[in-house]
Amino acid sequence: MNTPQSKLFSYVVNHDHGFAPNPYHGCCTLAHCKFSKDGKRRNIVELAQPGDWIVGTGGADLSRSSGHGTIVYAMRVDLKLSLRDYFTDASFMKKKPSTKYRYGDNLKKHVSEQRFVLIAKRFYYFGSNAVPIPKTLKTGVPPLEKRGPGFKSNFPQSFIRKFEKWIESLPRGVQGNPCAINHSRRCGPCNRKSAA
């Protein structure tokens, strides 16, 4: 369960391609999204620590995400590594992207920066099977869902405990394909909306 120091970070997953977050090969990682792009304003990957929860809710574009009012994934951070350590750790070899595809000739620059990777073995990735946010978490103060850019993390411990109890009642691991990849077959939330 959460400790008094645990935090919950909520943000919008505008494009769910299975890359950020990456739920494959036994753990969920967040590295190539939600990091500080200017080195000044710290983002989730700089701020989150082991024991904290990260929740990605659906974005409005149903061709790349799952729609508002849904959860794409949730993870409880177990480990935080620098991007350099992550790239040199053999245990994460299968999770690493094609460096040529992602970085071209700039790999050395990227891994030398003070960038981090959040790693979780306890995770719930729904993707195209995104689950609706329960009413009790929609109407909390503040509500779980973040709209627009950035993130929020000003949740009281009582809310975090309520979220934990709910999310831990669901199956862990990968429960669906990334929404953007699955969109040609219409993801679950899209079907629900078209059927309404």
N, C-alpha and C. Protein backbone atom coordinates (compact mmCIF):
# COMPACT_ATOMS: atom_id res chain seq x y z
N MET A 1 0.84 -1.20 0.00
CA MET A 1 0.00 0.00 0.00
C MET A 1 0.87 1.25 0.00
N ASN A 2 0.24 2.40 -0.22
CA ASN A 2 1.03 3.62 -0.30
C ASN A 2 1.56 4.02 1.07
N THR A 3 2.68 4.70 1.07
CA THR A 3 3.23 5.26 2.29
C THR A 3 2.80 6.71 2.38
N PRO A 4 2.97 7.37 3.55
CA PRO A 4 2.57 8.78 3.65
C PRO A 4 3.28 9.68 2.63
N GLN A 5 4.43 9.25 2.14
CA GLN A 5 5.18 10.07 1.19
C GLN A 5 4.77 9.83 -0.26
N SER A 6 3.94 8.82 -0.50
CA SER A 6 3.55 8.50 -1.88
C SER A 6 2.78 9.65 -2.51
N LYS A 7 3.00 9.81 -3.82
CA LYS A 7 2.26 10.81 -4.58
C LYS A 7 1.59 10.12 -5.75
N LEU A 8 0.62 10.79 -6.33
CA LEU A 8 -0.05 10.31 -7.54
C LEU A 8 0.05 11.41 -8.57
N PHE A 9 0.56 11.07 -9.74
CA PHE A 9 0.68 12.02 -10.85
C PHE A 9 -0.30 11.61 -11.95
N SER A 10 -1.10 12.55 -12.41
CA SER A 10 -2.08 12.28 -13.46
C SER A 10 -1.80 13.20 -14.65
N TYR A 11 -1.83 12.61 -15.86
CA TYR A 11 -1.62 13.40 -17.07
C TYR A 11 -2.39 12.76 -18.22
N VAL A 12 -2.47 13.45 -19.36
CA VAL A 12 -3.20 12.96 -20.53
C VAL A 12 -2.25 12.25 -21.48
N VAL A 13 -2.61 11.01 -21.87
CA VAL A 13 -1.87 10.28 -22.90
C VAL A 13 -2.53 10.63 -24.23
N ASN A 14 -1.97 11.64 -24.91
CA ASN A 14 -2.57 12.11 -26.16
C ASN A 14 -2.33 11.15 -27.32
N HIS A 15 -1.24 10.40 -27.27
CA HIS A 15 -0.96 9.45 -28.35
C HIS A 15 -0.42 8.15 -27.74
N ASP A 16 -1.24 7.13 -27.77
CA ASP A 16 -0.92 5.83 -27.18
C ASP A 16 -0.45 4.89 -28.29
N HIS A 17 0.87 4.79 -28.45
CA HIS A 17 1.47 3.93 -29.48
C HIS A 17 2.19 2.72 -28.87
N GLY A 18 2.20 2.59 -27.54
CA GLY A 18 2.91 1.50 -26.89
C GLY A 18 4.39 1.79 -26.68
N PHE A 19 4.75 3.06 -26.87
CA PHE A 19 6.16 3.45 -26.72
C PHE A 19 6.38 4.25 -25.44
N ALA A 20 5.48 5.15 -25.11
CA ALA A 20 5.58 5.94 -23.89
C ALA A 20 4.15 6.18 -23.37
N PRO A 21 3.67 5.32 -22.48
CA PRO A 21 4.40 4.28 -21.75
C PRO A 21 4.68 3.05 -22.61
N ASN A 22 5.69 2.29 -22.19
CA ASN A 22 6.04 1.03 -22.85
C ASN A 22 5.73 -0.10 -21.86
N PRO A 23 4.65 -0.87 -22.11
CA PRO A 23 4.23 -1.88 -21.14
C PRO A 23 4.75 -3.30 -21.42
N TYR A 24 5.72 -3.42 -22.30
CA TYR A 24 6.14 -4.75 -22.75
C TYR A 24 7.34 -5.31 -22.00
N HIS A 25 7.55 -6.62 -22.15
CA HIS A 25 8.69 -7.34 -21.59
C HIS A 25 8.74 -7.30 -20.06
N GLY A 26 7.54 -7.42 -19.44
CA GLY A 26 7.48 -7.65 -18.01
C GLY A 26 7.45 -6.45 -17.10
N CYS A 27 7.62 -5.26 -17.65
CA CYS A 27 7.51 -4.05 -16.82
C CYS A 27 7.05 -2.89 -17.68
N CYS A 28 6.57 -1.86 -17.03
CA CYS A 28 6.12 -0.66 -17.73
C CYS A 28 7.13 0.44 -17.49
N THR A 29 7.52 1.14 -18.55
CA THR A 29 8.50 2.22 -18.42
C THR A 29 7.95 3.51 -19.00
N LEU A 30 8.37 4.60 -18.40
CA LEU A 30 8.05 5.93 -18.89
C LEU A 30 9.35 6.70 -18.98
N ALA A 31 9.75 7.04 -20.21
CA ALA A 31 11.04 7.72 -20.39
C ALA A 31 10.95 8.81 -21.45
N HIS A 32 10.33 8.51 -22.57
CA HIS A 32 10.37 9.42 -23.72
C HIS A 32 9.15 10.33 -23.77
N CYS A 33 8.55 10.55 -22.62
CA CYS A 33 7.41 11.44 -22.50
C CYS A 33 7.41 11.96 -21.06
N LYS A 34 6.86 13.12 -20.83
CA LYS A 34 6.73 13.71 -19.50
C LYS A 34 8.07 13.96 -18.84
N PHE A 35 9.07 14.38 -19.62
CA PHE A 35 10.34 14.83 -19.06
C PHE A 35 10.48 16.33 -19.34
N SER A 36 11.37 16.97 -18.59
CA SER A 36 11.59 18.40 -18.76
C SER A 36 12.28 18.66 -20.09
N LYS A 37 11.64 19.45 -20.93
CA LYS A 37 12.22 19.73 -22.25
C LYS A 37 13.12 20.95 -22.23
N ASP A 38 13.00 21.78 -21.19
CA ASP A 38 13.85 22.97 -21.13
C ASP A 38 14.86 22.91 -19.99
N GLY A 39 14.82 21.83 -19.19
CA GLY A 39 15.76 21.68 -18.09
C GLY A 39 15.43 22.53 -16.88
N LYS A 40 14.35 23.29 -16.95
CA LYS A 40 13.98 24.20 -15.85
C LYS A 40 12.73 23.73 -15.13
N ARG A 41 11.66 23.51 -15.89
CA ARG A 41 10.40 23.08 -15.28
C ARG A 41 10.39 21.56 -15.20
N ARG A 42 10.53 21.04 -13.99
CA ARG A 42 10.59 19.59 -13.82
C ARG A 42 9.24 18.96 -14.13
N ASN A 43 9.30 17.81 -14.78
CA ASN A 43 8.09 17.10 -15.18
C ASN A 43 8.02 15.78 -14.39
N ILE A 44 7.09 14.90 -14.77
CA ILE A 44 6.85 13.70 -13.98
C ILE A 44 8.09 12.84 -13.81
N VAL A 45 8.85 12.59 -14.90
CA VAL A 45 9.98 11.68 -14.76
C VAL A 45 11.08 12.24 -13.87
N GLU A 46 11.14 13.55 -13.71
CA GLU A 46 12.10 14.13 -12.76
C GLU A 46 11.57 14.10 -11.33
N LEU A 47 10.27 14.28 -11.18
CA LEU A 47 9.67 14.43 -9.84
C LEU A 47 9.29 13.12 -9.17
N ALA A 48 8.80 12.15 -9.93
CA ALA A 48 8.30 10.91 -9.33
C ALA A 48 9.43 10.09 -8.73
N GLN A 49 9.09 9.37 -7.66
CA GLN A 49 10.04 8.53 -6.93
C GLN A 49 9.44 7.14 -6.74
N PRO A 50 10.25 6.13 -6.43
CA PRO A 50 9.70 4.81 -6.13
C PRO A 50 8.60 4.89 -5.07
N GLY A 51 7.51 4.18 -5.33
CA GLY A 51 6.34 4.21 -4.45
C GLY A 51 5.25 5.12 -4.96
N ASP A 52 5.57 6.02 -5.89
CA ASP A 52 4.56 6.93 -6.44
C ASP A 52 3.78 6.25 -7.56
N TRP A 53 2.56 6.72 -7.77
CA TRP A 53 1.70 6.23 -8.85
C TRP A 53 1.70 7.22 -10.00
N ILE A 54 1.71 6.68 -11.23
CA ILE A 54 1.54 7.49 -12.44
C ILE A 54 0.29 6.98 -13.13
N VAL A 55 -0.60 7.90 -13.51
CA VAL A 55 -1.84 7.53 -14.20
C VAL A 55 -1.94 8.34 -15.49
N GLY A 56 -2.13 7.63 -16.61
CA GLY A 56 -2.33 8.28 -17.90
C GLY A 56 -3.77 8.13 -18.32
N THR A 57 -4.47 9.24 -18.48
CA THR A 57 -5.87 9.21 -18.90
C THR A 57 -5.97 9.50 -20.39
N GLY A 58 -7.12 9.19 -20.97
CA GLY A 58 -7.30 9.28 -22.41
C GLY A 58 -7.38 10.70 -22.93
N GLY A 59 -6.82 10.87 -24.14
CA GLY A 59 -6.90 12.15 -24.84
C GLY A 59 -8.10 12.20 -25.76
N ALA A 60 -8.38 13.38 -26.30
CA ALA A 60 -9.59 13.59 -27.09
C ALA A 60 -9.54 12.94 -28.46
N ASP A 61 -8.35 12.81 -29.07
CA ASP A 61 -8.21 12.27 -30.42
C ASP A 61 -8.36 10.75 -30.39
N LEU A 62 -9.52 10.26 -30.83
CA LEU A 62 -9.81 8.83 -30.73
C LEU A 62 -9.03 7.99 -31.75
N SER A 63 -8.29 8.61 -32.65
CA SER A 63 -7.44 7.83 -33.55
C SER A 63 -6.10 7.52 -32.90
N ARG A 64 -5.78 8.22 -31.79
CA ARG A 64 -4.49 8.01 -31.13
C ARG A 64 -4.61 7.71 -29.65
N SER A 65 -5.79 7.90 -29.07
CA SER A 65 -5.96 7.70 -27.64
C SER A 65 -7.35 7.14 -27.37
N SER A 66 -7.78 7.15 -26.12
CA SER A 66 -9.01 6.45 -25.75
C SER A 66 -10.17 7.35 -25.35
N GLY A 67 -9.98 8.65 -25.44
CA GLY A 67 -11.08 9.56 -25.11
C GLY A 67 -11.08 9.97 -23.64
N HIS A 68 -11.68 11.13 -23.39
CA HIS A 68 -11.77 11.62 -22.03
C HIS A 68 -12.60 10.67 -21.17
N GLY A 69 -12.32 10.68 -19.87
CA GLY A 69 -13.08 9.86 -18.94
C GLY A 69 -12.60 8.42 -18.86
N THR A 70 -11.43 8.11 -19.46
CA THR A 70 -10.91 6.75 -19.44
C THR A 70 -9.46 6.73 -18.93
N ILE A 71 -9.02 5.55 -18.52
CA ILE A 71 -7.63 5.37 -18.08
C ILE A 71 -6.92 4.47 -19.08
N VAL A 72 -5.83 4.98 -19.65
CA VAL A 72 -5.00 4.21 -20.58
C VAL A 72 -4.09 3.27 -19.80
N TYR A 73 -3.51 3.78 -18.71
CA TYR A 73 -2.61 2.93 -17.91
C TYR A 73 -2.39 3.56 -16.54
N ALA A 74 -1.91 2.72 -15.63
CA ALA A 74 -1.46 3.17 -14.30
C ALA A 74 -0.26 2.33 -13.92
N MET A 75 0.70 2.93 -13.26
CA MET A 75 1.88 2.19 -12.82
C MET A 75 2.35 2.72 -11.47
N ARG A 76 2.85 1.80 -10.64
CA ARG A 76 3.44 2.19 -9.36
C ARG A 76 4.95 2.07 -9.52
N VAL A 77 5.65 3.16 -9.39
CA VAL A 77 7.08 3.21 -9.68
C VAL A 77 7.87 2.34 -8.70
N ASP A 78 8.68 1.43 -9.25
CA ASP A 78 9.57 0.60 -8.44
C ASP A 78 11.00 1.10 -8.48
N LEU A 79 11.39 1.66 -9.61
CA LEU A 79 12.79 2.01 -9.84
C LEU A 79 12.87 3.24 -10.71
N LYS A 80 13.85 4.08 -10.42
CA LYS A 80 14.11 5.28 -11.23
C LYS A 80 15.58 5.26 -11.61
N LEU A 81 15.86 5.22 -12.91
CA LEU A 81 17.23 5.19 -13.41
C LEU A 81 17.49 6.38 -14.30
N SER A 82 18.74 6.78 -14.40
CA SER A 82 19.10 7.77 -15.41
C SER A 82 18.97 7.10 -16.77
N LEU A 83 18.73 7.88 -17.79
CA LEU A 83 18.62 7.32 -19.13
C LEU A 83 19.91 6.61 -19.53
N ARG A 84 21.04 7.16 -19.09
CA ARG A 84 22.33 6.53 -19.39
C ARG A 84 22.40 5.13 -18.76
N ASP A 85 22.02 5.00 -17.46
CA ASP A 85 22.06 3.70 -16.79
C ASP A 85 21.06 2.72 -17.43
N TYR A 86 19.91 3.24 -17.82
CA TYR A 86 18.89 2.40 -18.45
C TYR A 86 19.43 1.80 -19.76
N PHE A 87 20.08 2.63 -20.57
CA PHE A 87 20.59 2.17 -21.86
C PHE A 87 21.75 1.19 -21.70
N THR A 88 22.44 1.24 -20.58
CA THR A 88 23.57 0.32 -20.40
C THR A 88 23.23 -0.89 -19.54
N ASP A 89 21.98 -0.99 -19.07
CA ASP A 89 21.55 -2.11 -18.23
C ASP A 89 21.02 -3.23 -19.13
N ALA A 90 21.72 -4.36 -19.12
CA ALA A 90 21.35 -5.49 -20.00
C ALA A 90 19.96 -6.02 -19.71
N SER A 91 19.46 -5.87 -18.48
CA SER A 91 18.15 -6.42 -18.15
C SER A 91 17.01 -5.72 -18.88
N PHE A 92 17.27 -4.54 -19.44
CA PHE A 92 16.23 -3.82 -20.19
C PHE A 92 16.50 -3.80 -21.69
N MET A 93 17.37 -4.68 -22.16
CA MET A 93 17.77 -4.68 -23.56
C MET A 93 16.58 -4.78 -24.51
N LYS A 94 15.62 -5.67 -24.19
CA LYS A 94 14.49 -5.88 -25.09
C LYS A 94 13.56 -4.67 -25.17
N LYS A 95 13.57 -3.84 -24.15
CA LYS A 95 12.67 -2.69 -24.12
C LYS A 95 13.22 -1.48 -24.86
N LYS A 96 14.50 -1.49 -25.14
CA LYS A 96 15.11 -0.30 -25.73
C LYS A 96 14.67 -0.13 -27.18
N PRO A 97 14.37 1.10 -27.58
CA PRO A 97 13.94 1.33 -28.96
C PRO A 97 15.13 1.23 -29.90
N SER A 98 14.82 1.14 -31.16
CA SER A 98 15.88 1.23 -32.16
C SER A 98 16.51 2.61 -32.04
N THR A 99 17.78 2.65 -31.65
CA THR A 99 18.41 3.95 -31.41
C THR A 99 18.47 4.78 -32.68
N LYS A 100 18.65 4.15 -33.83
CA LYS A 100 18.70 4.89 -35.09
C LYS A 100 17.34 5.53 -35.37
N TYR A 101 16.25 4.75 -35.09
CA TYR A 101 14.90 5.24 -35.32
C TYR A 101 14.59 6.43 -34.41
N ARG A 102 14.94 6.33 -33.13
CA ARG A 102 14.56 7.38 -32.18
C ARG A 102 15.50 8.57 -32.16
N TYR A 103 16.81 8.33 -32.37
CA TYR A 103 17.76 9.39 -32.10
C TYR A 103 18.65 9.76 -33.28
N GLY A 104 18.72 8.92 -34.31
CA GLY A 104 19.65 9.21 -35.39
C GLY A 104 21.07 9.27 -34.84
N ASP A 105 21.75 10.36 -35.08
CA ASP A 105 23.13 10.51 -34.61
C ASP A 105 23.21 11.18 -33.24
N ASN A 106 22.08 11.44 -32.60
CA ASN A 106 22.08 12.19 -31.34
C ASN A 106 21.99 11.32 -30.10
N LEU A 107 22.22 9.99 -30.21
CA LEU A 107 22.09 9.10 -29.06
C LEU A 107 23.00 9.54 -27.92
N LYS A 108 24.26 9.85 -28.23
CA LYS A 108 25.21 10.23 -27.18
C LYS A 108 24.71 11.45 -26.42
N LYS A 109 24.16 12.41 -27.13
CA LYS A 109 23.63 13.62 -26.49
C LYS A 109 22.48 13.26 -25.55
N HIS A 110 21.56 12.41 -26.00
CA HIS A 110 20.40 12.07 -25.19
C HIS A 110 20.78 11.32 -23.92
N VAL A 111 21.67 10.33 -24.02
CA VAL A 111 21.98 9.55 -22.83
C VAL A 111 22.91 10.28 -21.89
N SER A 112 23.54 11.36 -22.34
CA SER A 112 24.41 12.12 -21.46
C SER A 112 23.65 13.19 -20.69
N GLU A 113 22.43 13.50 -21.13
CA GLU A 113 21.63 14.50 -20.44
C GLU A 113 21.10 13.93 -19.12
N GLN A 114 20.70 14.79 -18.22
CA GLN A 114 20.11 14.34 -16.95
C GLN A 114 18.65 13.98 -17.18
N ARG A 115 18.46 12.86 -17.86
CA ARG A 115 17.13 12.34 -18.14
C ARG A 115 16.93 11.06 -17.34
N PHE A 116 15.67 10.75 -17.04
CA PHE A 116 15.37 9.60 -16.20
C PHE A 116 14.36 8.67 -16.85
N VAL A 117 14.31 7.45 -16.34
CA VAL A 117 13.34 6.45 -16.75
C VAL A 117 12.65 5.94 -15.48
N LEU A 118 11.32 5.90 -15.51
CA LEU A 118 10.55 5.33 -14.41
C LEU A 118 10.16 3.90 -14.80
N ILE A 119 10.35 2.97 -13.89
CA ILE A 119 10.16 1.55 -14.18
C ILE A 119 9.21 0.95 -13.14
N ALA A 120 8.22 0.17 -13.60
CA ALA A 120 7.24 -0.43 -12.69
C ALA A 120 6.97 -1.87 -13.07
N LYS A 121 6.99 -2.74 -12.06
CA LYS A 121 6.56 -4.12 -12.26
C LYS A 121 5.06 -4.25 -11.95
N ARG A 122 4.56 -3.36 -11.10
CA ARG A 122 3.13 -3.34 -10.79
C ARG A 122 2.49 -2.29 -11.70
N PHE A 123 1.85 -2.77 -12.75
CA PHE A 123 1.24 -1.82 -13.70
C PHE A 123 -0.02 -2.41 -14.30
N TYR A 124 -0.84 -1.51 -14.84
CA TYR A 124 -2.13 -1.84 -15.41
C TYR A 124 -2.21 -1.08 -16.73
N TYR A 125 -1.98 -1.78 -17.83
CA TYR A 125 -2.00 -1.13 -19.14
C TYR A 125 -3.23 -1.63 -19.91
N PHE A 126 -4.14 -0.70 -20.21
CA PHE A 126 -5.39 -1.04 -20.87
C PHE A 126 -5.37 -0.70 -22.36
N GLY A 127 -4.69 0.37 -22.73
CA GLY A 127 -4.60 0.75 -24.14
C GLY A 127 -5.97 0.86 -24.78
N SER A 128 -6.18 0.07 -25.85
CA SER A 128 -7.45 0.12 -26.58
C SER A 128 -8.63 -0.40 -25.77
N ASN A 129 -8.35 -1.07 -24.66
CA ASN A 129 -9.41 -1.52 -23.75
C ASN A 129 -9.50 -0.60 -22.53
N ALA A 130 -9.23 0.67 -22.74
CA ALA A 130 -9.22 1.65 -21.65
C ALA A 130 -10.49 1.53 -20.81
N VAL A 131 -10.30 1.65 -19.50
CA VAL A 131 -11.43 1.51 -18.58
C VAL A 131 -11.96 2.90 -18.19
N PRO A 132 -13.27 3.00 -17.99
CA PRO A 132 -13.84 4.28 -17.56
C PRO A 132 -13.35 4.63 -16.15
N ILE A 133 -13.13 5.90 -15.92
CA ILE A 133 -12.78 6.37 -14.58
C ILE A 133 -14.03 6.25 -13.71
N PRO A 134 -13.96 5.56 -12.57
CA PRO A 134 -15.16 5.45 -11.74
C PRO A 134 -15.61 6.81 -11.21
N LYS A 135 -16.90 6.90 -10.99
CA LYS A 135 -17.50 8.17 -10.54
C LYS A 135 -16.85 8.68 -9.28
N THR A 136 -16.47 7.78 -8.36
CA THR A 136 -15.87 8.21 -7.09
C THR A 136 -14.52 8.90 -7.30
N LEU A 137 -13.84 8.60 -8.40
CA LEU A 137 -12.56 9.25 -8.69
C LEU A 137 -12.72 10.42 -9.66
N LYS A 138 -13.87 10.46 -10.34
CA LYS A 138 -14.15 11.59 -11.24
C LYS A 138 -14.53 12.83 -10.46
N THR A 139 -15.18 12.62 -9.33
CA THR A 139 -15.72 13.74 -8.57
C THR A 139 -14.91 14.05 -7.32
N GLY A 140 -13.71 13.46 -7.22
CA GLY A 140 -12.87 13.75 -6.05
C GLY A 140 -12.39 15.18 -6.07
N VAL A 141 -11.75 15.59 -5.02
CA VAL A 141 -11.20 16.94 -4.94
C VAL A 141 -9.69 16.81 -4.75
N PRO A 142 -8.88 17.00 -5.81
CA PRO A 142 -9.33 17.25 -7.18
C PRO A 142 -9.73 15.95 -7.86
N PRO A 143 -10.47 16.02 -9.01
CA PRO A 143 -10.78 14.80 -9.74
C PRO A 143 -9.51 14.19 -10.33
N LEU A 144 -9.52 12.86 -10.55
CA LEU A 144 -8.34 12.16 -11.04
C LEU A 144 -7.88 12.67 -12.40
N GLU A 145 -8.83 12.92 -13.29
CA GLU A 145 -8.47 13.24 -14.67
C GLU A 145 -7.89 14.63 -14.83
N LYS A 146 -6.77 14.71 -15.56
CA LYS A 146 -6.16 15.99 -15.93
C LYS A 146 -6.58 16.30 -17.36
N ARG A 147 -7.03 17.50 -17.61
CA ARG A 147 -7.35 17.91 -18.98
C ARG A 147 -6.27 18.87 -19.45
N GLY A 148 -5.88 18.74 -20.72
CA GLY A 148 -4.89 19.65 -21.29
C GLY A 148 -3.47 19.25 -20.95
N PRO A 149 -2.50 20.11 -21.28
CA PRO A 149 -1.09 19.79 -21.08
C PRO A 149 -0.69 19.79 -19.60
N GLY A 150 0.52 19.30 -19.35
CA GLY A 150 1.04 19.29 -17.98
C GLY A 150 0.56 18.08 -17.20
N PHE A 151 0.56 18.21 -15.88
CA PHE A 151 0.14 17.12 -15.01
C PHE A 151 -0.39 17.73 -13.72
N LYS A 152 -1.01 16.89 -12.91
CA LYS A 152 -1.36 17.33 -11.56
C LYS A 152 -0.98 16.25 -10.57
N SER A 153 -0.66 16.68 -9.36
CA SER A 153 -0.22 15.73 -8.33
C SER A 153 -0.64 16.18 -6.93
N ASN A 154 -1.62 17.06 -6.87
CA ASN A 154 -2.05 17.60 -5.58
C ASN A 154 -3.19 16.79 -4.98
N PHE A 155 -2.99 15.46 -4.93
CA PHE A 155 -4.03 14.57 -4.40
C PHE A 155 -3.76 14.27 -2.94
N PRO A 156 -4.79 14.35 -2.10
CA PRO A 156 -4.60 13.98 -0.69
C PRO A 156 -4.41 12.48 -0.54
N GLN A 157 -3.81 12.07 0.59
CA GLN A 157 -3.55 10.65 0.82
C GLN A 157 -4.82 9.82 0.81
N SER A 158 -5.93 10.37 1.29
CA SER A 158 -7.19 9.62 1.30
C SER A 158 -7.63 9.30 -0.12
N PHE A 159 -7.41 10.23 -1.06
CA PHE A 159 -7.76 10.00 -2.46
C PHE A 159 -6.85 8.94 -3.07
N ILE A 160 -5.55 9.02 -2.75
CA ILE A 160 -4.60 8.04 -3.28
C ILE A 160 -4.95 6.64 -2.79
N ARG A 161 -5.34 6.51 -1.53
CA ARG A 161 -5.74 5.20 -1.01
C ARG A 161 -6.99 4.68 -1.72
N LYS A 162 -7.93 5.59 -2.00
CA LYS A 162 -9.14 5.19 -2.72
C LYS A 162 -8.79 4.72 -4.14
N PHE A 163 -7.90 5.47 -4.79
CA PHE A 163 -7.46 5.08 -6.14
C PHE A 163 -6.77 3.72 -6.09
N GLU A 164 -5.86 3.53 -5.14
CA GLU A 164 -5.13 2.27 -5.02
C GLU A 164 -6.07 1.09 -4.83
N LYS A 165 -7.04 1.25 -3.96
CA LYS A 165 -7.99 0.16 -3.70
C LYS A 165 -8.73 -0.21 -4.96
N TRP A 166 -9.12 0.79 -5.75
CA TRP A 166 -9.85 0.51 -6.99
C TRP A 166 -8.95 -0.12 -8.04
N ILE A 167 -7.81 0.47 -8.32
CA ILE A 167 -6.95 -0.04 -9.41
C ILE A 167 -6.44 -1.43 -9.10
N GLU A 168 -6.19 -1.73 -7.82
CA GLU A 168 -5.67 -3.04 -7.47
C GLU A 168 -6.74 -4.13 -7.49
N SER A 169 -8.00 -3.74 -7.73
CA SER A 169 -9.05 -4.74 -7.92
C SER A 169 -9.13 -5.19 -9.37
N LEU A 170 -8.34 -4.56 -10.25
CA LEU A 170 -8.35 -4.87 -11.68
C LEU A 170 -7.17 -5.78 -12.03
N PRO A 171 -7.26 -6.49 -13.17
CA PRO A 171 -6.14 -7.36 -13.58
C PRO A 171 -4.89 -6.53 -13.89
N ARG A 172 -3.74 -7.05 -13.45
CA ARG A 172 -2.46 -6.37 -13.73
C ARG A 172 -1.94 -6.76 -15.11
N GLY A 173 -0.95 -5.98 -15.56
CA GLY A 173 -0.26 -6.30 -16.80
C GLY A 173 -0.94 -5.69 -18.01
N VAL A 174 -0.64 -6.23 -19.17
CA VAL A 174 -1.15 -5.71 -20.45
C VAL A 174 -2.53 -6.29 -20.71
N GLN A 175 -3.53 -5.41 -20.82
CA GLN A 175 -4.92 -5.83 -21.04
C GLN A 175 -5.45 -5.41 -22.40
N GLY A 176 -4.62 -4.79 -23.23
CA GLY A 176 -5.08 -4.37 -24.56
C GLY A 176 -3.92 -3.89 -25.40
N ASN A 177 -4.15 -3.75 -26.68
CA ASN A 177 -3.15 -3.19 -27.59
C ASN A 177 -3.16 -1.67 -27.50
N PRO A 178 -2.07 -1.02 -27.90
CA PRO A 178 -2.09 0.45 -27.95
C PRO A 178 -3.24 0.94 -28.82
N CYS A 179 -3.89 1.98 -28.39
CA CYS A 179 -5.08 2.46 -29.09
C CYS A 179 -4.77 2.90 -30.52
N ALA A 180 -3.65 3.58 -30.74
CA ALA A 180 -3.31 4.06 -32.08
C ALA A 180 -3.05 2.90 -33.03
N ILE A 181 -2.38 1.86 -32.53
CA ILE A 181 -2.08 0.70 -33.37
C ILE A 181 -3.35 -0.08 -33.66
N ASN A 182 -4.24 -0.13 -32.71
CA ASN A 182 -5.47 -0.92 -32.83
C ASN A 182 -6.58 -0.15 -33.51
N HIS A 183 -6.34 1.11 -33.85
CA HIS A 183 -7.45 1.96 -34.29
C HIS A 183 -8.11 1.46 -35.57
N SER A 184 -7.34 0.81 -36.45
CA SER A 184 -7.93 0.31 -37.69
C SER A 184 -9.03 -0.72 -37.41
N ARG A 185 -8.94 -1.37 -36.24
CA ARG A 185 -9.98 -2.33 -35.84
C ARG A 185 -10.96 -1.69 -34.87
N ARG A 186 -10.81 -0.37 -34.65
CA ARG A 186 -11.65 0.41 -33.75
C ARG A 186 -11.45 -0.02 -32.32
N CYS A 187 -10.87 0.86 -31.50
CA CYS A 187 -10.62 0.50 -30.11
C CYS A 187 -11.92 0.50 -29.33
N GLY A 188 -11.90 -0.14 -28.17
CA GLY A 188 -13.09 -0.31 -27.35
C GLY A 188 -13.85 0.97 -27.09
N PRO A 189 -13.16 2.05 -26.59
CA PRO A 189 -13.88 3.29 -26.33
C PRO A 189 -14.50 3.88 -27.59
N CYS A 190 -13.84 3.69 -28.76
CA CYS A 190 -14.40 4.21 -30.01
C CYS A 190 -15.68 3.45 -30.34
N ASN A 191 -15.66 2.11 -30.16
CA ASN A 191 -16.85 1.31 -30.41
C ASN A 191 -18.00 1.72 -29.51
N ARG A 192 -17.65 1.97 -28.23
CA ARG A 192 -18.70 2.36 -27.29
C ARG A 192 -19.34 3.68 -27.73
N LYS A 193 -18.52 4.62 -28.20
CA LYS A 193 -19.04 5.92 -28.60
C LYS A 193 -19.87 5.77 -29.87
N SER A 194 -19.38 4.94 -30.84
CA SER A 194 -20.10 4.82 -32.11
C SER A 194 -21.41 4.07 -31.92
N ALA A 195 -21.44 3.20 -30.90
CA ALA A 195 -22.66 2.42 -30.65
C ALA A 195 -23.69 3.22 -29.87
N ALA A 196 -23.26 4.32 -29.26
CA ALA A 196 -24.17 5.09 -28.42
C ALA A 196 -25.16 5.88 -29.26
